[in-house]
Amino acid sequence: MFPRFRRFVGCCLAAAGLAFVVCRAAGTADSEVCIIGSRLELFADDSLVGRLDGTALRLHAPCPAGEAIRFDQPWEGAFAGYVTVIQDDARYLMYYRGLPVSVADGTTNEVTCLATSDDGIRWRKPALGLYEVHGTRSNNVVLAAQPPFSHNFAPFLDRRPGIPADERFKAFAGTSSTGLHVFASADGTRWRRWSPGPVITRGAFDSQNVGFWSELEGRYVVYVRTWTGGEFAGFRTISRAESTDLLRWSRPMAMSFGGTPMEHLYTSQTHPYFRAPHLYVATPMRFVPGRRVLSPAQARDLGVDPDYAGDAAETVFMTSRGGYRYFRTFMEGFIRPGTDPGNWASRAGMSASGVIPTGPAEMSLFKQAHYAQPSARLDRYTLRTDGFASVHAPFEGGEFTTRALRFTGTELVLNVGTGAAGGVRVEIQDADGNPVPGHALADAEELAGDDIARVARWKSGPGLGAAVGRVVRLRFAMKDADLYSMRFR
């Protein structure tokens, strides 16, 4: 990139809030400087990676934590799905489609349901009394009899500054026959049509279409279902559109996956990570049509609908840092179907949109189980906070050096875990790779243990000394250890 254009791009990115990478001369062949300030940075992709020597980025598998809810009400059923989980201050909200029978998209059989929680772990279905469904108003339905909008109703908490109180919640809903419409709510329970008509009409929309206000980009973004061949042909994929007012949208453009093989990505489930909103995490369902794992006898014993016994699916993990690119750093399954035969039925690999904190060092995500079966439910999974992935060092040890960074703060805080015989030491280098005086590897105290927020220390203490205000690189010498995230403060 030419220097003048490099400076122009940097200014434009900063003006738009896209200050993740600003290209400028740093005195080395690798001239890109990551402007990170004091924000939390996860090692969930290779954006900060300069050099790995005996270390590697490792994806971590979420741990099963049991059933969250069962889709056992008459208006929910075997085809309930398209789940969204939101934290709204001290309460948690879970939205999902209720659909007891397999029918065409967008019929009156579909309703939108709500479950609530005080901790994100134990969920209840409130009797709201808003709609009569299956002969009763004692139900948890927040939208009914408005086809096709309950097919894929996808709420989000609108965090744009200045949003009126009666519009705190928004939702996207619609199919190719109607286009995407926007709904609004003050409390997340009573919803009304907000847009006068469809706001986006180009797309298939035959899945969960998720959006949010991006603090990073200073605009609304929405990730919608499209097909690579158009008109429901080719691969199911993801496109993105942008807006400043939720009414006027750019034309959806296909997302890039970094040159990885095309796959059927059934959903995107893209949303800002709650501790670092400049990082979008995505847990799409990878759909493998025709991958039959269940035998006819197994499918029959499980009660799988015959139309949903011949495919397989699982949750995968991606990230984005704005724009039209996903980082597909890890191609392996994130949540595999596992040993439960019921999760080898079609579409049982669909995760909910949303990752939420459920403890001081724990976060939770959710995935459907036993889709198209009488036992359909939603399961909870846990990870350590920030623990999607890490820079991992084996027992033999290794090193990891970041790209050049510009930061603000006076100490370095790490989310790190080691074995009993493991450890981590940190060296601060200048932009050319020379140790900053007092912060060489020989000066570093070895960190051992397992902490979400461990302050790095040197012989002189935790202060960063002459590194403050400079472009630096961080060199980590690691043994039997995982580095999940870091921040300066």
Protein backbone atom coordinates (compact mmCIF):
# COMPACT_ATOMS: atom_id res chain seq x y z
CA MET A 1 0.00 0.00 0.00
CA PHE A 2 1.43 3.43 -0.95
CA PRO A 3 2.23 5.65 2.09
CA ARG A 4 -0.15 8.47 1.10
CA PHE A 5 -3.01 6.04 0.51
CA ARG A 6 -2.10 4.24 3.73
CA ARG A 7 -2.49 7.47 5.71
CA PHE A 8 -5.76 8.25 3.91
CA VAL A 9 -7.17 4.80 4.77
CA GLY A 10 -6.12 5.23 8.39
CA CYS A 11 -7.87 8.60 8.68
CA CYS A 12 -11.03 7.23 7.09
CA LEU A 13 -11.08 4.22 9.38
CA ALA A 14 -10.57 6.36 12.45
CA ALA A 15 -13.35 8.73 11.41
CA ALA A 16 -15.69 5.80 10.96
CA GLY A 17 -14.71 4.19 14.24
CA LEU A 18 -12.78 1.45 12.40
CA ALA A 19 -9.49 1.99 14.20
CA PHE A 20 -8.42 -1.62 14.50
CA VAL A 21 -5.55 -1.52 12.01
CA VAL A 22 -4.03 1.75 10.85
CA CYS A 23 -1.17 1.31 8.42
CA ARG A 24 1.78 3.54 9.09
CA ALA A 25 5.56 3.34 8.91
CA ALA A 26 6.96 1.42 11.87
CA GLY A 27 10.54 0.96 10.72
CA THR A 28 10.07 -2.72 9.84
CA ALA A 29 8.97 -4.77 6.88
CA ASP A 30 5.74 -5.46 8.77
CA SER A 31 4.47 -1.87 8.76
CA GLU A 32 0.91 -2.39 10.01
CA VAL A 33 0.37 -1.07 13.51
CA CYS A 34 -2.66 -2.29 15.46
CA ILE A 35 -4.23 0.64 17.27
CA ILE A 36 -5.76 -1.13 20.27
CA GLY A 37 -5.78 1.58 22.94
CA SER A 38 -7.02 0.05 26.20
CA ARG A 39 -9.61 -2.28 24.76
CA LEU A 40 -9.79 -6.01 25.35
CA GLU A 41 -8.34 -8.09 22.53
CA LEU A 42 -9.13 -11.80 22.18
CA PHE A 43 -6.95 -14.36 20.44
CA ALA A 44 -10.02 -15.70 18.65
CA ASP A 45 -8.39 -15.15 15.23
CA ASP A 46 -4.96 -14.24 13.91
CA SER A 47 -5.49 -10.46 13.77
CA LEU A 48 -2.82 -9.73 16.39
CA VAL A 49 -0.51 -12.61 15.52
CA GLY A 50 2.95 -11.66 14.33
CA ARG A 51 4.91 -14.89 14.76
CA LEU A 52 4.18 -18.31 16.26
CA ASP A 53 7.19 -20.43 17.18
CA GLY A 54 6.25 -23.73 18.81
CA THR A 55 2.83 -22.29 19.70
CA ALA A 56 -0.47 -22.39 17.83
CA LEU A 57 -3.94 -20.92 17.85
CA ARG A 58 -6.30 -23.47 19.41
CA LEU A 59 -10.10 -23.57 19.26
CA HIS A 60 -11.72 -24.63 22.54
CA ALA A 61 -14.80 -26.85 22.67
CA PRO A 62 -17.73 -25.55 24.77
CA CYS A 63 -18.60 -27.81 27.71
CA PRO A 64 -22.14 -29.27 27.88
CA ALA A 65 -24.01 -27.78 30.86
CA GLY A 66 -27.38 -29.51 30.56
CA GLU A 67 -30.80 -28.65 29.26
CA ALA A 68 -31.85 -25.00 29.21
CA ILE A 69 -35.47 -25.42 28.10
CA ARG A 70 -37.57 -28.10 26.48
CA PHE A 71 -39.85 -27.19 23.60
CA ASP A 72 -42.72 -29.08 25.22
CA GLN A 73 -45.72 -26.77 24.91
CA PRO A 74 -48.37 -27.40 22.20
CA TRP A 75 -47.41 -24.20 20.38
CA GLU A 76 -43.62 -24.98 20.50
CA GLY A 77 -42.83 -28.52 19.43
CA ALA A 78 -40.35 -30.46 17.32
CA PHE A 79 -39.59 -27.63 14.87
CA ALA A 80 -39.05 -24.84 17.38
CA GLY A 81 -35.88 -22.93 16.63
CA TYR A 82 -34.09 -19.78 15.47
CA VAL A 83 -33.21 -18.83 19.05
CA THR A 84 -31.91 -15.43 20.19
CA VAL A 85 -30.52 -14.80 23.70
CA ILE A 86 -30.16 -11.23 25.03
CA GLN A 87 -28.88 -9.81 28.32
CA ASP A 88 -30.77 -6.67 29.32
CA ASP A 89 -29.11 -5.43 32.52
CA ALA A 90 -30.09 -7.89 35.27
CA ARG A 91 -32.44 -9.99 33.18
CA TYR A 92 -31.98 -12.43 30.32
CA LEU A 93 -34.42 -12.90 27.45
CA MET A 94 -34.68 -15.83 25.06
CA TYR A 95 -36.76 -15.67 21.88
CA TYR A 96 -37.55 -18.60 19.62
CA ARG A 97 -39.96 -19.82 16.98
CA GLY A 98 -42.68 -22.19 18.09
CA LEU A 99 -43.68 -24.68 15.41
CA PRO A 100 -45.14 -28.09 16.31
CA VAL A 101 -45.55 -29.38 12.73
CA SER A 102 -43.45 -29.39 9.59
CA VAL A 103 -45.10 -26.95 7.16
CA ALA A 104 -44.06 -24.36 4.62
CA ASP A 105 -42.31 -21.24 5.91
CA GLY A 106 -44.50 -18.39 7.06
CA THR A 107 -47.83 -19.87 8.17
CA THR A 108 -50.08 -19.22 11.16
CA ASN A 109 -48.67 -22.40 12.72
CA GLU A 110 -45.60 -20.35 13.67
CA VAL A 111 -45.49 -18.16 16.78
CA THR A 112 -42.72 -16.26 18.55
CA CYS A 113 -42.08 -17.40 22.12
CA LEU A 114 -40.24 -15.86 25.08
CA ALA A 115 -38.38 -17.40 28.02
CA THR A 116 -36.80 -15.32 30.79
CA SER A 117 -34.07 -15.80 33.36
CA ASP A 118 -32.37 -14.00 36.23
CA ASP A 119 -29.01 -15.66 35.71
CA GLY A 120 -28.94 -17.05 32.18
CA ILE A 121 -28.93 -20.59 33.58
CA ARG A 122 -32.42 -21.30 34.94
CA TRP A 123 -35.16 -20.34 32.49
CA ARG A 124 -38.92 -19.97 32.86
CA LYS A 125 -41.74 -19.47 30.39
CA PRO A 126 -43.95 -16.59 31.58
CA ALA A 127 -47.72 -16.70 31.11
CA LEU A 128 -48.07 -13.41 29.23
CA GLY A 129 -51.71 -13.48 28.14
CA LEU A 130 -50.99 -11.51 24.95
CA TYR A 131 -52.35 -13.94 22.33
CA GLU A 132 -54.72 -16.85 22.36
CA VAL A 133 -52.88 -19.86 20.95
CA HIS A 134 -54.12 -23.46 20.98
CA GLY A 135 -57.17 -22.34 22.91
CA THR A 136 -55.41 -20.53 25.76
CA ARG A 137 -53.91 -17.15 26.65
CA SER A 138 -51.81 -18.74 29.39
CA ASN A 139 -48.73 -18.94 27.19
CA ASN A 140 -45.36 -17.34 26.53
CA VAL A 141 -46.16 -16.08 23.01
CA VAL A 142 -45.10 -12.52 22.10
CA LEU A 143 -46.11 -12.60 18.42
CA ALA A 144 -48.79 -14.65 16.65
CA ALA A 145 -51.13 -14.57 13.67
CA GLN A 146 -48.82 -12.30 11.69
CA PRO A 147 -47.33 -14.61 9.07
CA PRO A 148 -44.60 -14.85 7.97
CA PHE A 149 -42.89 -12.82 10.67
CA SER A 150 -42.80 -15.49 13.36
CA HIS A 151 -40.89 -17.72 10.97
CA ASN A 152 -37.57 -16.05 11.84
CA PHE A 153 -38.25 -13.20 14.30
CA ALA A 154 -34.76 -12.07 15.44
CA PRO A 155 -34.66 -9.37 18.17
CA PHE A 156 -31.72 -7.28 19.34
CA LEU A 157 -31.21 -4.61 21.99
CA ASP A 158 -30.70 -1.36 20.07
CA ARG A 159 -27.61 0.30 21.59
CA ARG A 160 -27.48 3.30 19.27
CA PRO A 161 -27.09 6.46 21.39
CA GLY A 162 -30.30 8.46 21.73
CA ILE A 163 -32.75 5.62 21.03
CA PRO A 164 -36.24 6.47 22.43
CA ALA A 165 -37.26 4.37 25.42
CA ASP A 166 -40.17 2.81 23.58
CA GLU A 167 -37.83 1.54 20.84
CA ARG A 168 -35.10 -0.05 22.96
CA PHE A 169 -35.69 -3.40 21.32
CA LYS A 170 -35.75 -4.00 17.58
CA ALA A 171 -36.23 -7.15 15.52
CA PHE A 172 -35.82 -8.27 11.92
CA ALA A 173 -38.38 -10.64 10.42
CA GLY A 174 -39.65 -11.69 7.01
CA THR A 175 -39.14 -14.03 4.09
CA SER A 176 -38.38 -13.56 0.41
CA SER A 177 -42.07 -13.02 -0.27
CA THR A 178 -42.29 -10.02 2.07
CA GLY A 179 -38.72 -8.77 2.46
CA LEU A 180 -37.25 -7.95 5.85
CA HIS A 181 -39.36 -5.78 8.14
CA VAL A 182 -38.36 -4.09 11.39
CA PHE A 183 -40.34 -4.44 14.64
CA ALA A 184 -39.88 -2.42 17.85
CA SER A 185 -40.64 -2.82 21.54
CA ALA A 186 -40.10 -0.92 24.77
CA ASP A 187 -39.85 -3.96 27.02
CA GLY A 188 -39.02 -6.83 24.69
CA THR A 189 -42.47 -8.33 25.24
CA ARG A 190 -45.03 -6.19 23.41
CA TRP A 191 -43.97 -5.75 19.80
CA ARG A 192 -45.27 -3.52 17.00
CA ARG A 193 -44.38 -3.08 13.34
CA TRP A 194 -41.86 -0.23 13.20
CA SER A 195 -40.98 0.09 9.53
CA PRO A 196 -43.75 1.11 7.12
CA GLY A 197 -42.77 -1.73 4.79
CA PRO A 198 -39.81 -3.96 3.98
CA VAL A 199 -36.42 -2.35 4.55
CA ILE A 200 -34.46 -4.94 2.55
CA THR A 201 -35.90 -6.92 -0.34
CA ARG A 202 -32.84 -8.49 -1.97
CA GLY A 203 -32.14 -11.83 -0.32
CA ALA A 204 -33.62 -15.23 0.39
CA PHE A 205 -34.08 -14.57 4.15
CA ASP A 206 -35.06 -18.24 4.61
CA SER A 207 -33.23 -18.45 7.92
CA GLN A 208 -32.47 -16.29 10.96
CA ASN A 209 -31.39 -12.81 9.82
CA VAL A 210 -29.51 -11.05 12.63
CA GLY A 211 -28.55 -7.42 13.08
CA PHE A 212 -27.33 -4.86 15.61
CA TRP A 213 -26.02 -1.34 16.10
CA SER A 214 -22.25 -1.50 15.62
CA GLU A 215 -20.27 0.67 18.01
CA LEU A 216 -17.19 -0.11 15.92
CA GLU A 217 -18.65 1.05 12.62
CA GLY A 218 -21.16 3.64 13.79
CA ARG A 219 -24.06 2.13 11.85
CA TYR A 220 -26.57 -0.69 11.82
CA VAL A 221 -25.52 -3.94 10.19
CA VAL A 222 -27.59 -7.00 9.33
CA TYR A 223 -26.42 -10.44 8.22
CA VAL A 224 -28.91 -12.17 5.95
CA ARG A 225 -29.34 -15.53 4.28
CA THR A 226 -28.48 -15.56 0.60
CA TRP A 227 -27.47 -18.29 -1.86
CA THR A 228 -24.30 -18.33 -3.92
CA GLY A 229 -26.24 -19.19 -7.08
CA GLY A 230 -29.20 -16.92 -6.36
CA GLU A 231 -32.81 -18.06 -6.32
CA PHE A 232 -32.14 -20.79 -3.73
CA ALA A 233 -29.37 -22.36 -5.79
CA GLY A 234 -25.77 -23.21 -4.94
CA PHE A 235 -24.60 -22.88 -1.34
CA ARG A 236 -26.44 -21.31 1.55
CA THR A 237 -24.30 -18.34 2.53
CA ILE A 238 -24.25 -15.00 4.35
CA SER A 239 -24.51 -11.46 3.01
CA ARG A 240 -24.41 -8.16 4.86
CA ALA A 241 -26.10 -4.77 4.52
CA GLU A 242 -25.57 -1.44 6.34
CA SER A 243 -27.75 1.48 7.42
CA THR A 244 -27.53 4.59 9.55
CA ASP A 245 -31.26 4.79 10.34
CA LEU A 246 -32.68 1.23 10.02
CA LEU A 247 -34.85 2.37 7.09
CA ARG A 248 -32.44 2.95 4.18
CA TRP A 249 -30.06 0.05 3.59
CA SER A 250 -27.21 -0.71 1.28
CA ARG A 251 -27.64 -3.59 -1.10
CA PRO A 252 -26.63 -6.87 0.63
CA MET A 253 -23.15 -7.98 -0.39
CA ALA A 254 -21.72 -11.47 0.08
CA MET A 255 -19.32 -11.96 2.95
CA SER A 256 -15.80 -13.22 2.30
CA PHE A 257 -14.50 -16.29 4.14
CA GLY A 258 -10.82 -15.86 3.44
CA GLY A 259 -10.49 -18.28 0.56
CA THR A 260 -11.79 -21.29 2.49
CA PRO A 261 -13.92 -23.89 0.71
CA MET A 262 -17.56 -22.98 0.23
CA GLU A 263 -19.92 -24.68 2.66
CA HIS A 264 -23.59 -24.49 3.50
CA LEU A 265 -23.67 -21.97 6.35
CA TYR A 266 -27.28 -22.15 7.38
CA THR A 267 -27.21 -19.28 9.87
CA SER A 268 -24.67 -16.62 10.80
CA GLN A 269 -25.48 -15.80 14.46
CA THR A 270 -23.12 -12.83 14.19
CA HIS A 271 -23.13 -10.39 17.11
CA PRO A 272 -20.74 -8.15 19.10
CA TYR A 273 -18.92 -9.98 21.88
CA PHE A 274 -20.23 -8.59 25.17
CA ARG A 275 -16.77 -7.78 26.61
CA ALA A 276 -15.26 -6.46 23.38
CA PRO A 277 -17.98 -5.09 21.05
CA HIS A 278 -15.47 -4.31 18.29
CA LEU A 279 -15.13 -8.08 17.84
CA TYR A 280 -18.08 -9.83 16.23
CA VAL A 281 -18.34 -13.51 17.08
CA ALA A 282 -20.32 -15.83 14.85
CA THR A 283 -21.50 -19.37 15.56
CA PRO A 284 -23.18 -20.46 12.33
CA MET A 285 -24.58 -23.89 11.66
CA ARG A 286 -22.58 -25.83 9.09
CA PHE A 287 -25.16 -27.87 7.22
CA VAL A 288 -24.05 -31.02 5.38
CA PRO A 289 -26.94 -32.09 3.13
CA GLY A 290 -27.06 -35.78 2.34
CA ARG A 291 -24.66 -36.74 5.16
CA ARG A 292 -26.75 -39.56 6.61
CA VAL A 293 -25.44 -40.86 9.92
CA LEU A 294 -28.61 -42.22 11.51
CA SER A 295 -29.77 -45.59 10.31
CA PRO A 296 -33.46 -45.89 9.39
CA ALA A 297 -34.00 -47.91 12.58
CA GLN A 298 -32.32 -45.26 14.75
CA ALA A 299 -34.33 -42.46 13.16
CA ARG A 300 -37.54 -44.40 13.65
CA ASP A 301 -36.76 -45.15 17.31
CA LEU A 302 -35.96 -41.49 17.97
CA GLY A 303 -39.13 -40.30 16.26
CA VAL A 304 -37.25 -38.16 13.75
CA ASP A 305 -39.46 -36.69 11.06
CA PRO A 306 -38.53 -38.67 7.91
CA ASP A 307 -37.67 -35.48 6.01
CA TYR A 308 -35.02 -34.61 8.61
CA ALA A 309 -33.15 -37.91 8.98
CA GLY A 310 -30.79 -37.70 6.00
CA ASP A 311 -28.57 -34.69 6.75
CA ALA A 312 -26.04 -33.69 9.41
CA ALA A 313 -25.08 -30.36 10.97
CA GLU A 314 -22.86 -28.79 13.61
CA THR A 315 -21.92 -25.39 15.01
CA VAL A 316 -18.73 -23.73 13.77
CA PHE A 317 -16.91 -20.59 14.92
CA MET A 318 -15.90 -17.44 13.03
CA THR A 319 -15.09 -13.83 13.82
CA SER A 320 -15.36 -10.51 12.04
CA ARG A 321 -13.94 -7.09 12.79
CA GLY A 322 -16.31 -5.11 10.66
CA GLY A 323 -16.75 -4.90 6.94
CA TYR A 324 -17.42 -7.82 4.64
CA ARG A 325 -14.85 -10.33 5.87
CA TYR A 326 -15.10 -13.26 8.24
CA PHE A 327 -11.99 -14.79 9.77
CA ARG A 328 -12.35 -18.56 9.35
CA THR A 329 -9.31 -19.28 11.46
CA PHE A 330 -10.71 -22.64 12.54
CA MET A 331 -12.46 -24.97 10.12
CA GLU A 332 -13.11 -27.71 12.67
CA GLY A 333 -16.45 -28.16 14.37
CA PHE A 334 -17.02 -25.91 17.40
CA ILE A 335 -19.91 -27.89 18.88
CA ARG A 336 -19.99 -31.35 17.32
CA PRO A 337 -23.12 -33.52 17.29
CA GLY A 338 -21.45 -35.81 19.82
CA THR A 339 -22.51 -39.21 21.14
CA ASP A 340 -26.23 -38.40 21.37
CA PRO A 341 -27.84 -39.95 18.25
CA GLY A 342 -30.64 -37.36 18.38
CA ASN A 343 -28.15 -34.65 17.46
CA TRP A 344 -27.24 -36.37 14.20
CA ALA A 345 -30.63 -35.43 12.76
CA SER A 346 -30.89 -32.58 10.28
CA ARG A 347 -30.52 -29.07 11.71
CA ALA A 348 -29.76 -30.20 15.28
CA GLY A 349 -26.51 -28.24 15.09
CA MET A 350 -28.14 -24.80 15.17
CA SER A 351 -26.80 -22.51 17.89
CA ALA A 352 -28.65 -19.55 19.36
CA SER A 353 -27.61 -16.03 18.48
CA GLY A 354 -25.95 -14.57 21.55
CA VAL A 355 -23.21 -15.37 24.07
CA ILE A 356 -23.91 -14.21 27.62
CA PRO A 357 -22.01 -14.01 30.94
CA THR A 358 -23.25 -16.55 33.51
CA GLY A 359 -20.53 -16.26 36.16
CA PRO A 360 -17.39 -14.33 37.12
CA ALA A 361 -15.27 -16.53 34.88
CA GLU A 362 -17.94 -18.22 32.75
CA MET A 363 -19.95 -17.45 29.65
CA SER A 364 -22.74 -19.48 28.09
CA LEU A 365 -24.04 -20.21 24.63
CA PHE A 366 -26.93 -22.37 23.55
CA LYS A 367 -27.60 -24.96 20.86
CA GLN A 368 -30.68 -26.81 19.72
CA ALA A 369 -30.88 -30.54 20.33
CA HIS A 370 -33.10 -33.29 18.88
CA TYR A 371 -34.52 -31.10 16.13
CA ALA A 372 -37.57 -32.59 14.34
CA GLN A 373 -38.10 -35.00 17.25
CA PRO A 374 -40.64 -35.16 20.11
CA SER A 375 -37.77 -34.54 22.56
CA ALA A 376 -36.71 -31.22 20.95
CA ARG A 377 -34.94 -28.92 23.38
CA LEU A 378 -32.28 -26.23 23.80
CA ASP A 379 -29.04 -27.11 25.61
CA ARG A 380 -26.60 -24.79 27.37
CA TYR A 381 -22.83 -24.89 26.89
CA THR A 382 -20.12 -23.04 28.79
CA LEU A 383 -16.68 -21.61 28.13
CA ARG A 384 -14.33 -19.67 30.35
CA THR A 385 -14.70 -15.92 29.84
CA ASP A 386 -13.03 -14.94 26.53
CA GLY A 387 -12.31 -18.63 26.00
CA PHE A 388 -13.36 -19.24 22.40
CA ALA A 389 -9.74 -19.81 21.43
CA SER A 390 -6.22 -19.21 22.68
CA VAL A 391 -2.57 -19.10 21.80
CA HIS A 392 -1.52 -22.50 23.12
CA ALA A 393 1.94 -23.66 24.15
CA PRO A 394 2.68 -27.37 24.77
CA PHE A 395 4.73 -28.72 27.65
CA GLU A 396 7.86 -28.46 25.50
CA GLY A 397 7.31 -24.69 25.35
CA GLY A 398 7.20 -22.10 22.60
CA GLU A 399 6.96 -18.42 21.83
CA PHE A 400 4.44 -16.00 20.39
CA THR A 401 5.07 -12.44 19.23
CA THR A 402 2.33 -9.97 18.43
CA ARG A 403 2.22 -7.58 15.56
CA ALA A 404 3.21 -4.00 16.27
CA LEU A 405 0.77 -2.35 18.71
CA ARG A 406 -0.06 1.14 19.87
CA PHE A 407 -1.79 1.15 23.26
CA THR A 408 -2.88 3.36 26.12
CA GLY A 409 -2.47 2.41 29.76
CA THR A 410 0.18 1.72 32.37
CA GLU A 411 -0.11 -2.04 32.91
CA LEU A 412 -0.79 -5.20 30.91
CA VAL A 413 -3.60 -7.55 31.97
CA LEU A 414 -3.79 -11.12 30.68
CA ASN A 415 -6.47 -13.80 30.62
CA VAL A 416 -4.19 -16.78 30.97
CA GLY A 417 -4.15 -20.35 32.25
CA THR A 418 -1.18 -22.64 32.84
CA GLY A 419 -0.49 -26.15 34.04
CA ALA A 420 1.16 -26.69 37.42
CA ALA A 421 4.53 -26.98 35.71
CA GLY A 422 3.73 -24.35 33.09
CA GLY A 423 4.20 -20.62 32.92
CA VAL A 424 4.25 -17.44 30.85
CA ARG A 425 6.80 -14.63 30.68
CA VAL A 426 6.31 -11.41 28.72
CA GLU A 427 8.89 -9.28 26.98
CA ILE A 428 8.05 -5.82 25.63
CA GLN A 429 9.88 -4.95 22.43
CA ASP A 430 10.11 -1.82 20.36
CA ALA A 431 8.72 -1.81 16.82
CA ASP A 432 11.98 -3.31 15.49
CA GLY A 433 11.96 -6.22 17.94
CA ASN A 434 14.49 -4.88 20.44
CA PRO A 435 13.67 -5.36 24.16
CA VAL A 436 12.53 -2.22 25.97
CA PRO A 437 14.95 -1.60 28.86
CA GLY A 438 13.70 -3.18 32.08
CA HIS A 439 11.14 -5.29 30.20
CA ALA A 440 13.28 -7.92 28.49
CA LEU A 441 12.47 -11.61 28.91
CA ALA A 442 15.20 -11.89 31.56
CA ASP A 443 13.41 -9.17 33.57
CA ALA A 444 9.98 -10.83 33.43
CA GLU A 445 8.37 -12.64 36.36
CA GLU A 446 6.91 -15.99 35.37
CA LEU A 447 3.13 -16.11 35.59
CA ALA A 448 1.59 -19.40 36.70
CA GLY A 449 -2.00 -20.21 37.57
CA ASP A 450 -5.35 -19.57 35.98
CA ASP A 451 -6.79 -16.06 35.98
CA ILE A 452 -9.19 -14.02 33.90
CA ALA A 453 -7.25 -10.84 34.76
CA ARG A 454 -3.59 -11.40 35.74
CA VAL A 455 -1.32 -8.36 35.69
CA ALA A 456 2.05 -8.96 34.01
CA ARG A 457 5.08 -8.10 36.13
CA TRP A 458 8.78 -7.53 35.70
CA LYS A 459 11.58 -7.09 38.25
CA SER A 460 10.67 -3.43 38.46
CA GLY A 461 6.97 -4.20 39.06
CA PRO A 462 3.86 -4.07 36.87
CA GLY A 463 4.56 -0.69 35.30
CA LEU A 464 5.31 -0.44 31.59
CA GLY A 465 8.03 2.18 31.93
CA ALA A 466 9.58 3.41 28.69
CA ALA A 467 7.07 1.38 26.63
CA VAL A 468 4.26 3.84 27.38
CA GLY A 469 3.41 5.92 24.32
CA ARG A 470 5.51 3.84 21.95
CA VAL A 471 4.75 1.34 19.22
CA VAL A 472 5.61 -2.03 20.74
CA ARG A 473 5.46 -5.76 20.19
CA LEU A 474 4.82 -8.29 22.92
CA ARG A 475 6.85 -11.49 23.05
CA PHE A 476 5.40 -14.32 25.13
CA ALA A 477 7.57 -17.25 26.24
CA MET A 478 5.09 -19.97 27.21
CA LYS A 479 5.06 -23.54 28.51
CA ASP A 480 1.94 -25.69 29.01
CA ALA A 481 -0.12 -22.53 28.85
CA ASP A 482 -3.02 -20.80 27.06
CA LEU A 483 -3.34 -17.08 26.43
CA TYR A 484 -6.97 -16.15 25.77
CA SER A 485 -7.01 -12.35 25.77
CA MET A 486 -5.15 -9.25 26.85
CA ARG A 487 -5.67 -5.58 27.45
CA PHE A 488 -3.69 -2.56 28.57
CA ARG A 489 -5.17 -0.42 31.32
